[in-house]
PDB file of all heavy atoms in Angstrom:
ATOM      1  N   GLU A   1      74.010 -98.870  41.698  1.00  0.00           N
ATOM      2  CA  GLU A   1      72.666 -99.421  41.940  1.00  0.00           C
ATOM      3  C   GLU A   1      72.258-100.498  40.943  1.00  0.00           C
ATOM      4  O   GLU A   1      71.326-101.264  41.198  1.00  0.00           O
ATOM      5  CB  GLU A   1      71.628 -98.286  41.866  1.00  0.00           C
ATOM      6  CG  GLU A   1      71.718 -97.270  42.980  1.00  0.00           C
ATOM      7  CD  GLU A   1      70.816 -96.076  42.742  1.00  0.00           C
ATOM      8  OE1 GLU A   1      70.681 -95.618  41.578  1.00  0.00           O
ATOM      9  OE2 GLU A   1      70.247 -95.575  43.737  1.00  0.00           O
ATOM     10  N   VAL A   2      72.944-100.567  39.788  1.00  0.00           N
ATOM     11  CA  VAL A   2      72.469-101.419  38.694  1.00  0.00           C
ATOM     12  C   VAL A   2      72.432-102.892  39.074  1.00  0.00           C
ATOM     13  O   VAL A   2      71.407-103.567  38.892  1.00  0.00           O
ATOM     14  CB  VAL A   2      73.326-101.196  37.421  1.00  0.00           C
ATOM     15  CG1 VAL A   2      73.053-102.285  36.388  1.00  0.00           C
ATOM     16  CG2 VAL A   2      73.022 -99.826  36.816  1.00  0.00           C
ATOM     17  N   ILE A   3      73.517-103.438  39.589  1.00  0.00           N
ATOM     18  CA  ILE A   3      73.549-104.884  39.878  1.00  0.00           C
ATOM     19  C   ILE A   3      72.581-105.258  40.996  1.00  0.00           C
ATOM     20  O   ILE A   3      71.808-106.207  40.835  1.00  0.00           O
ATOM     21  CB  ILE A   3      74.993-105.357  40.144  1.00  0.00           C
ATOM     22  CG1 ILE A   3      75.756-105.381  38.815  1.00  0.00           C
ATOM     23  CG2 ILE A   3      75.005-106.745  40.791  1.00  0.00           C
ATOM     24  CD1 ILE A   3      77.203-105.781  38.903  1.00  0.00           C
ATOM     25  N   PRO A   4      72.552-104.534  42.131  1.00  0.00           N
ATOM     26  CA  PRO A   4      71.543-104.873  43.146  1.00  0.00           C
ATOM     27  C   PRO A   4      70.109-104.812  42.605  1.00  0.00           C
ATOM     28  O   PRO A   4      69.269-105.654  42.945  1.00  0.00           O
ATOM     29  CB  PRO A   4      71.763-103.833  44.241  1.00  0.00           C
ATOM     30  CG  PRO A   4      73.193-103.427  44.090  1.00  0.00           C
ATOM     31  CD  PRO A   4      73.485-103.499  42.621  1.00  0.00           C
ATOM     32  N   PHE A   5      69.842-103.822  41.729  1.00  0.00           N
ATOM     33  CA  PHE A   5      68.498-103.718  41.148  1.00  0.00           C
ATOM     34  C   PHE A   5      68.180-104.939  40.291  1.00  0.00           C
ATOM     35  O   PHE A   5      67.105-105.540  40.413  1.00  0.00           O
ATOM     36  CB  PHE A   5      68.376-102.438  40.314  1.00  0.00           C
ATOM     37  CG  PHE A   5      67.057-102.291  39.609  1.00  0.00           C
ATOM     38  CD1 PHE A   5      65.892-102.018  40.306  1.00  0.00           C
ATOM     39  CD2 PHE A   5      66.970-102.438  38.225  1.00  0.00           C
ATOM     40  CE1 PHE A   5      64.670-101.892  39.660  1.00  0.00           C
ATOM     41  CE2 PHE A   5      65.761-102.309  37.564  1.00  0.00           C
ATOM     42  CZ  PHE A   5      64.607-102.043  38.288  1.00  0.00           C
ATOM     43  N   ILE A   6      69.112-105.323  39.435  1.00  0.00           N
ATOM     44  CA  ILE A   6      68.878-106.492  38.577  1.00  0.00           C
ATOM     45  C   ILE A   6      68.699-107.753  39.422  1.00  0.00           C
ATOM     46  O   ILE A   6      67.818-108.572  39.147  1.00  0.00           O
ATOM     47  CB  ILE A   6      70.031-106.651  37.559  1.00  0.00           C
ATOM     48  CG1 ILE A   6      69.953-105.521  36.521  1.00  0.00           C
ATOM     49  CG2 ILE A   6      69.963-108.014  36.853  1.00  0.00           C
ATOM     50  CD1 ILE A   6      71.111-105.484  35.538  1.00  0.00           C
ATOM     51  N   GLN A   7      69.488-107.896  40.474  1.00  0.00           N
ATOM     52  CA  GLN A   7      69.339-109.074  41.341  1.00  0.00           C
ATOM     53  C   GLN A   7      67.960-109.102  42.003  1.00  0.00           C
ATOM     54  O   GLN A   7      67.397-110.170  42.238  1.00  0.00           O
ATOM     55  CB  GLN A   7      70.453-109.077  42.397  1.00  0.00           C
ATOM     56  CG  GLN A   7      71.816-109.404  41.804  1.00  0.00           C
ATOM     57  CD  GLN A   7      72.955-109.223  42.785  1.00  0.00           C
ATOM     58  OE1 GLN A   7      72.957-108.297  43.596  1.00  0.00           O
ATOM     59  NE2 GLN A   7      73.949-110.107  42.708  1.00  0.00           N
ATOM     60  N   SER A   8      67.396-107.923  42.267  1.00  0.00           N
ATOM     61  CA  SER A   8      66.089-107.854  42.925  1.00  0.00           C
ATOM     62  C   SER A   8      64.932-108.201  41.991  1.00  0.00           C
ATOM     63  O   SER A   8      63.785-108.330  42.432  1.00  0.00           O
ATOM     64  CB  SER A   8      65.867-106.455  43.500  1.00  0.00           C
ATOM     65  OG  SER A   8      65.587-105.517  42.467  1.00  0.00           O
ATOM     66  N   LEU A   9      65.220-108.372  40.682  1.00  0.00           N
ATOM     67  CA  LEU A   9      64.163-108.678  39.714  1.00  0.00           C
ATOM     68  C   LEU A   9      63.915-110.178  39.549  1.00  0.00           C
ATOM     69  O   LEU A   9      63.091-110.576  38.735  1.00  0.00           O
ATOM     70  CB  LEU A   9      64.529-108.087  38.343  1.00  0.00           C
ATOM     71  CG  LEU A   9      64.673-106.559  38.272  1.00  0.00           C
ATOM     72  CD1 LEU A   9      65.195-106.139  36.902  1.00  0.00           C
ATOM     73  CD2 LEU A   9      63.345-105.868  38.573  1.00  0.00           C
ATOM     74  N   GLU A  10      64.599-110.994  40.306  1.00  0.00           N
ATOM     75  CA  GLU A  10      64.533-112.447  40.115  1.00  0.00           C
ATOM     76  C   GLU A  10      63.107-112.992  40.158  1.00  0.00           C
ATOM     77  O   GLU A  10      62.751-113.907  39.417  1.00  0.00           O
ATOM     78  CB  GLU A  10      65.377-113.148  41.180  1.00  0.00           C
ATOM     79  CG  GLU A  10      65.427-114.655  41.002  1.00  0.00           C
ATOM     80  CD  GLU A  10      66.351-115.313  42.014  1.00  0.00           C
ATOM     81  OE1 GLU A  10      66.820-114.633  42.939  1.00  0.00           O
ATOM     82  OE2 GLU A  10      66.587-116.533  41.863  1.00  0.00           O
ATOM     83  N   LYS A  11      62.270-112.412  40.998  1.00  0.00           N
ATOM     84  CA  LYS A  11      60.914-112.948  41.195  1.00  0.00           C
ATOM     85  C   LYS A  11      59.936-112.516  40.103  1.00  0.00           C
ATOM     86  O   LYS A  11      58.791-112.959  40.092  1.00  0.00           O
ATOM     87  CB  LYS A  11      60.381-112.524  42.564  1.00  0.00           C
ATOM     88  CG  LYS A  11      60.218-111.023  42.745  1.00  0.00           C
ATOM     89  CD  LYS A  11      59.727-110.694  44.153  1.00  0.00           C
ATOM     90  CE  LYS A  11      59.519-109.201  44.370  1.00  0.00           C
ATOM     91  NZ  LYS A  11      60.754-108.434  44.419  1.00  0.00           N
ATOM     92  N   PHE A  12      60.369-111.668  39.168  1.00  0.00           N
ATOM     93  CA  PHE A  12      59.452-111.151  38.154  1.00  0.00           C
ATOM     94  C   PHE A  12      59.503-112.012  36.892  1.00  0.00           C
ATOM     95  O   PHE A  12      60.482-111.989  36.154  1.00  0.00           O
ATOM     96  CB  PHE A  12      59.805-109.696  37.808  1.00  0.00           C
ATOM     97  CG  PHE A  12      59.596-108.738  38.946  1.00  0.00           C
ATOM     98  CD1 PHE A  12      60.675-108.216  39.645  1.00  0.00           C
ATOM     99  CD2 PHE A  12      58.323-108.367  39.327  1.00  0.00           C
ATOM    100  CE1 PHE A  12      60.492-107.332  40.692  1.00  0.00           C
ATOM    101  CE2 PHE A  12      58.121-107.480  40.382  1.00  0.00           C
ATOM    102  CZ  PHE A  12      59.210-106.971  41.068  1.00  0.00           C
ATOM    103  N   SER A  13      58.418-112.719  36.627  1.00  0.00           N
ATOM    104  CA  SER A  13      58.395-113.646  35.483  1.00  0.00           C
ATOM    105  C   SER A  13      58.208-112.919  34.150  1.00  0.00           C
ATOM    106  O   SER A  13      58.448-113.485  33.095  1.00  0.00           O
ATOM    107  CB  SER A  13      57.268-114.659  35.661  1.00  0.00           C
ATOM    108  OG  SER A  13      56.013-113.999  35.655  1.00  0.00           O
ATOM    109  N   LYS A  14      57.760-111.652  34.179  1.00  0.00           N
ATOM    110  CA  LYS A  14      57.455-110.927  32.944  1.00  0.00           C
ATOM    111  C   LYS A  14      58.595-109.990  32.507  1.00  0.00           C
ATOM    112  O   LYS A  14      58.429-109.222  31.561  1.00  0.00           O
ATOM    113  CB  LYS A  14      56.167-110.098  33.135  1.00  0.00           C
ATOM    114  CG  LYS A  14      54.942-110.938  33.485  1.00  0.00           C
ATOM    115  CD  LYS A  14      54.533-111.837  32.346  1.00  0.00           C
ATOM    116  CE  LYS A  14      53.410-112.778  32.727  1.00  0.00           C
ATOM    117  NZ  LYS A  14      52.248-112.141  33.344  1.00  0.00           N
ATOM    118  N   ILE A  15      59.726-110.044  33.205  1.00  0.00           N
ATOM    119  CA  ILE A  15      60.837-109.153  32.864  1.00  0.00           C
ATOM    120  C   ILE A  15      62.068-109.976  32.501  1.00  0.00           C
ATOM    121  O   ILE A  15      62.530-110.809  33.274  1.00  0.00           O
ATOM    122  CB  ILE A  15      61.167-108.206  34.039  1.00  0.00           C
ATOM    123  CG1 ILE A  15      60.024-107.207  34.235  1.00  0.00           C
ATOM    124  CG2 ILE A  15      62.490-107.464  33.793  1.00  0.00           C
ATOM    125  CD1 ILE A  15      60.158-106.316  35.436  1.00  0.00           C
ATOM    126  N   GLN A  16      62.569-109.735  31.294  1.00  0.00           N
ATOM    127  CA  GLN A  16      63.834-110.337  30.868  1.00  0.00           C
ATOM    128  C   GLN A  16      64.813-109.192  30.606  1.00  0.00           C
ATOM    129  O   GLN A  16      64.585-108.348  29.729  1.00  0.00           O
ATOM    130  CB  GLN A  16      63.661-111.169  29.598  1.00  0.00           C
ATOM    131  CG  GLN A  16      64.959-111.859  29.186  1.00  0.00           C
ATOM    132  CD  GLN A  16      64.853-112.570  27.851  1.00  0.00           C
ATOM    133  OE1 GLN A  16      64.156-112.111  26.961  1.00  0.00           O
ATOM    134  NE2 GLN A  16      65.556-113.685  27.725  1.00  0.00           N
ATOM    135  N   VAL A  17      65.876-109.153  31.386  1.00  0.00           N
ATOM    136  CA  VAL A  17      66.869-108.085  31.231  1.00  0.00           C
ATOM    137  C   VAL A  17      67.834-108.487  30.116  1.00  0.00           C
ATOM    138  O   VAL A  17      68.751-109.281  30.324  1.00  0.00           O
ATOM    139  CB  VAL A  17      67.627-107.819  32.545  1.00  0.00           C
ATOM    140  CG1 VAL A  17      68.672-106.705  32.338  1.00  0.00           C
ATOM    141  CG2 VAL A  17      66.652-107.416  33.650  1.00  0.00           C
ATOM    142  N   VAL A  18      67.597-107.959  28.925  1.00  0.00           N
ATOM    143  CA  VAL A  18      68.429-108.321  27.766  1.00  0.00           C
ATOM    144  C   VAL A  18      69.702-107.487  27.690  1.00  0.00           C
ATOM    145  O   VAL A  18      70.646-107.847  26.985  1.00  0.00           O
ATOM    146  CB  VAL A  18      67.653-108.214  26.433  1.00  0.00           C
ATOM    147  CG1 VAL A  18      66.504-109.197  26.401  1.00  0.00           C
ATOM    148  CG2 VAL A  18      67.165-106.782  26.187  1.00  0.00           C
ATOM    149  N   GLY A  19      69.729-106.345  28.407  1.00  0.00           N
ATOM    150  CA  GLY A  19      70.916-105.507  28.328  1.00  0.00           C
ATOM    151  C   GLY A  19      70.810-104.269  29.190  1.00  0.00           C
ATOM    152  O   GLY A  19      69.879-104.110  29.980  1.00  0.00           O
ATOM    153  N   LEU A  20      71.778-103.382  29.003  1.00  0.00           N
ATOM    154  CA  LEU A  20      71.821-102.103  29.704  1.00  0.00           C
ATOM    155  C   LEU A  20      71.728-100.967  28.692  1.00  0.00           C
ATOM    156  O   LEU A  20      72.120-101.116  27.531  1.00  0.00           O
ATOM    157  CB  LEU A  20      73.123-101.953  30.492  1.00  0.00           C
ATOM    158  CG  LEU A  20      73.448-103.036  31.526  1.00  0.00           C
ATOM    159  CD1 LEU A  20      74.771-102.706  32.231  1.00  0.00           C
ATOM    160  CD2 LEU A  20      72.330-103.204  32.544  1.00  0.00           C
ATOM    161  N   MET A  21      71.214 -99.837  29.132  1.00  0.00           N
ATOM    162  CA  MET A  21      71.077 -98.653  28.279  1.00  0.00           C
ATOM    163  C   MET A  21      71.628 -97.434  29.000  1.00  0.00           C
ATOM    164  O   MET A  21      71.492 -97.333  30.225  1.00  0.00           O
ATOM    165  CB  MET A  21      69.597 -98.423  27.942  1.00  0.00           C
ATOM    166  CG  MET A  21      69.346 -97.271  26.958  1.00  0.00           C
ATOM    167  SD  MET A  21      69.356 -95.628  27.715  1.00  0.00           S
ATOM    168  CE  MET A  21      67.615 -95.263  27.762  1.00  0.00           C
ATOM    169  N   THR A  22      72.261 -96.544  28.254  1.00  0.00           N
ATOM    170  CA  THR A  22      72.630 -95.250  28.811  1.00  0.00           C
ATOM    171  C   THR A  22      72.620 -94.191  27.722  1.00  0.00           C
ATOM    172  O   THR A  22      72.569 -94.513  26.532  1.00  0.00           O
ATOM    173  CB  THR A  22      74.021 -95.288  29.494  1.00  0.00           C
ATOM    174  OG1 THR A  22      74.120 -94.185  30.401  1.00  0.00           O
ATOM    175  CG2 THR A  22      75.169 -95.224  28.489  1.00  0.00           C
ATOM    176  N   MET A  23      72.665 -92.931  28.167  1.00  0.00           N
ATOM    177  CA  MET A  23      72.799 -91.783  27.269  1.00  0.00           C
ATOM    178  C   MET A  23      74.047 -91.019  27.694  1.00  0.00           C
ATOM    179  O   MET A  23      74.243 -90.756  28.883  1.00  0.00           O
ATOM    180  CB  MET A  23      71.568 -90.872  27.367  1.00  0.00           C
ATOM    181  CG  MET A  23      70.289 -91.538  26.899  1.00  0.00           C
ATOM    182  SD  MET A  23      68.834 -90.532  27.253  1.00  0.00           S
ATOM    183  CE  MET A  23      69.085 -89.166  26.134  1.00  0.00           C
ATOM    184  N   ALA A  24      74.874 -90.676  26.728  1.00  0.00           N
ATOM    185  CA  ALA A  24      76.087 -89.918  27.025  1.00  0.00           C
ATOM    186  C   ALA A  24      75.757 -88.441  27.212  1.00  0.00           C
ATOM    187  O   ALA A  24      74.729 -87.965  26.730  1.00  0.00           O
ATOM    188  CB  ALA A  24      77.099 -90.091  25.895  1.00  0.00           C
ATOM    189  N   PRO A  25      76.625 -87.709  27.899  1.00  0.00           N
ATOM    190  CA  PRO A  25      76.407 -86.263  28.037  1.00  0.00           C
ATOM    191  C   PRO A  25      76.437 -85.568  26.677  1.00  0.00           C
ATOM    192  O   PRO A  25      77.089 -86.049  25.743  1.00  0.00           O
ATOM    193  CB  PRO A  25      77.593 -85.796  28.894  1.00  0.00           C
ATOM    194  CG  PRO A  25      78.167 -87.025  29.497  1.00  0.00           C
ATOM    195  CD  PRO A  25      77.844 -88.156  28.571  1.00  0.00           C
ATOM    196  N   ASN A  26      75.747 -84.457  26.588  1.00  0.00           N
ATOM    197  CA  ASN A  26      75.743 -83.656  25.359  1.00  0.00           C
ATOM    198  C   ASN A  26      76.985 -82.760  25.371  1.00  0.00           C
ATOM    199  O   ASN A  26      76.964 -81.635  25.853  1.00  0.00           O
ATOM    200  CB  ASN A  26      74.461 -82.824  25.293  1.00  0.00           C
ATOM    201  CG  ASN A  26      74.344 -82.070  23.978  1.00  0.00           C
ATOM    202  OD1 ASN A  26      75.071 -82.369  23.025  1.00  0.00           O
ATOM    203  ND2 ASN A  26      73.466 -81.092  23.925  1.00  0.00           N
ATOM    204  N   THR A  27      78.090 -83.316  24.879  1.00  0.00           N
ATOM    205  CA  THR A  27      79.361 -82.598  24.919  1.00  0.00           C
ATOM    206  C   THR A  27      80.150 -82.894  23.644  1.00  0.00           C
ATOM    207  O   THR A  27      79.934 -83.923  23.003  1.00  0.00           O
ATOM    208  CB  THR A  27      80.189 -83.018  26.151  1.00  0.00           C
ATOM    209  OG1 THR A  27      81.489 -82.393  26.089  1.00  0.00           O
ATOM    210  CG2 THR A  27      80.400 -84.527  26.212  1.00  0.00           C
ATOM    211  N   GLU A  28      81.053 -81.985  23.309  1.00  0.00           N
ATOM    212  CA  GLU A  28      81.951 -82.207  22.175  1.00  0.00           C
ATOM    213  C   GLU A  28      83.172 -83.036  22.585  1.00  0.00           C
ATOM    214  O   GLU A  28      83.952 -83.460  21.737  1.00  0.00           O
ATOM    215  CB  GLU A  28      82.431 -80.858  21.612  1.00  0.00           C
ATOM    216  CG  GLU A  28      81.320 -79.968  21.072  1.00  0.00           C
ATOM    217  CD  GLU A  28      80.658 -80.545  19.835  1.00  0.00           C
ATOM    218  OE1 GLU A  28      81.370 -80.985  18.926  1.00  0.00           O
ATOM    219  OE2 GLU A  28      79.408 -80.565  19.791  1.00  0.00           O
ATOM    220  N   ASN A  29      83.339 -83.231  23.899  1.00  0.00           N
ATOM    221  CA  ASN A  29      84.526 -83.919  24.408  1.00  0.00           C
ATOM    222  C   ASN A  29      84.382 -85.430  24.217  1.00  0.00           C
ATOM    223  O   ASN A  29      83.668 -86.108  24.952  1.00  0.00           O
ATOM    224  CB  ASN A  29      84.728 -83.587  25.888  1.00  0.00           C
ATOM    225  CG  ASN A  29      86.053 -84.105  26.419  1.00  0.00           C
ATOM    226  OD1 ASN A  29      86.513 -85.182  26.044  1.00  0.00           O
ATOM    227  ND2 ASN A  29      86.675 -83.333  27.298  1.00  0.00           N
ATOM    228  N   GLU A  30      85.078 -85.945  23.214  1.00  0.00           N
ATOM    229  CA  GLU A  30      84.939 -87.358  22.857  1.00  0.00           C
ATOM    230  C   GLU A  30      85.376 -88.284  23.980  1.00  0.00           C
ATOM    231  O   GLU A  30      84.798 -89.354  24.174  1.00  0.00           O
ATOM    232  CB  GLU A  30      85.772 -87.644  21.597  1.00  0.00           C
ATOM    233  CG  GLU A  30      85.591 -89.049  21.074  1.00  0.00           C
ATOM    234  CD  GLU A  30      86.399 -89.302  19.801  1.00  0.00           C
ATOM    235  OE1 GLU A  30      86.267 -88.498  18.851  1.00  0.00           O
ATOM    236  OE2 GLU A  30      87.127 -90.303  19.774  1.00  0.00           O
ATOM    237  N   GLU A  31      86.372 -87.876  24.760  1.00  0.00           N
ATOM    238  CA  GLU A  31      86.865 -88.752  25.833  1.00  0.00           C
ATOM    239  C   GLU A  31      85.826 -88.929  26.934  1.00  0.00           C
ATOM    240  O   GLU A  31      85.708 -90.010  27.519  1.00  0.00           O
ATOM    241  CB  GLU A  31      88.185 -88.212  26.415  1.00  0.00           C
ATOM    242  CG  GLU A  31      89.391 -88.567  25.570  1.00  0.00           C
ATOM    243  CD  GLU A  31      89.432 -90.046  25.165  1.00  0.00           C
ATOM    244  OE1 GLU A  31      89.357 -90.916  26.052  1.00  0.00           O
ATOM    245  OE2 GLU A  31      89.510 -90.333  23.953  1.00  0.00           O
ATOM    246  N   ILE A  32      85.070 -87.871  27.225  1.00  0.00           N
ATOM    247  CA  ILE A  32      83.997 -87.982  28.228  1.00  0.00           C
ATOM    248  C   ILE A  32      82.929 -88.958  27.732  1.00  0.00           C
ATOM    249  O   ILE A  32      82.475 -89.841  28.463  1.00  0.00           O
ATOM    250  CB  ILE A  32      83.380 -86.595  28.527  1.00  0.00           C
ATOM    251  CG1 ILE A  32      84.401 -85.711  29.251  1.00  0.00           C
ATOM    252  CG2 ILE A  32      82.103 -86.732  29.346  1.00  0.00           C
ATOM    253  CD1 ILE A  32      83.946 -84.271  29.452  1.00  0.00           C
ATOM    254  N   ILE A  33      82.536 -88.811  26.462  1.00  0.00           N
ATOM    255  CA  ILE A  33      81.533 -89.706  25.868  1.00  0.00           C
ATOM    256  C   ILE A  33      82.036 -91.142  25.884  1.00  0.00           C
ATOM    257  O   ILE A  33      81.334 -92.074  26.294  1.00  0.00           O
ATOM    258  CB  ILE A  33      81.212 -89.261  24.427  1.00  0.00           C
ATOM    259  CG1 ILE A  33      80.567 -87.871  24.415  1.00  0.00           C
ATOM    260  CG2 ILE A  33      80.300 -90.286  23.733  1.00  0.00           C
ATOM    261  CD1 ILE A  33      80.460 -87.247  23.040  1.00  0.00           C
ATOM    262  N   ARG A  34      83.275 -91.318  25.467  1.00  0.00           N
ATOM    263  CA  ARG A  34      83.856 -92.664  25.378  1.00  0.00           C
ATOM    264  C   ARG A  34      83.893 -93.343  26.751  1.00  0.00           C
ATOM    265  O   ARG A  34      83.617 -94.525  26.888  1.00  0.00           O
ATOM    266  CB  ARG A  34      85.263 -92.564  24.778  1.00  0.00           C
ATOM    267  CG  ARG A  34      85.836 -93.899  24.335  1.00  0.00           C
ATOM    268  CD  ARG A  34      87.156 -93.704  23.603  1.00  0.00           C
ATOM    269  NE  ARG A  34      87.020 -93.042  22.308  1.00  0.00           N
ATOM    270  CZ  ARG A  34      86.597 -93.660  21.198  1.00  0.00           C
ATOM    271  NH1 ARG A  34      86.262 -94.942  21.234  1.00  0.00           N
ATOM    272  NH2 ARG A  34      86.507 -92.996  20.065  1.00  0.00           N
TER     273      ARG A  34
END
């Protein structure tokens, strides 16, 4: 959904998409986090 959503923001003059954000799962498994 991310790219279609960002493309749909073109008409908004007050929004500048400087980047993406996420939160990793709360797990000890480093490979899942990575």
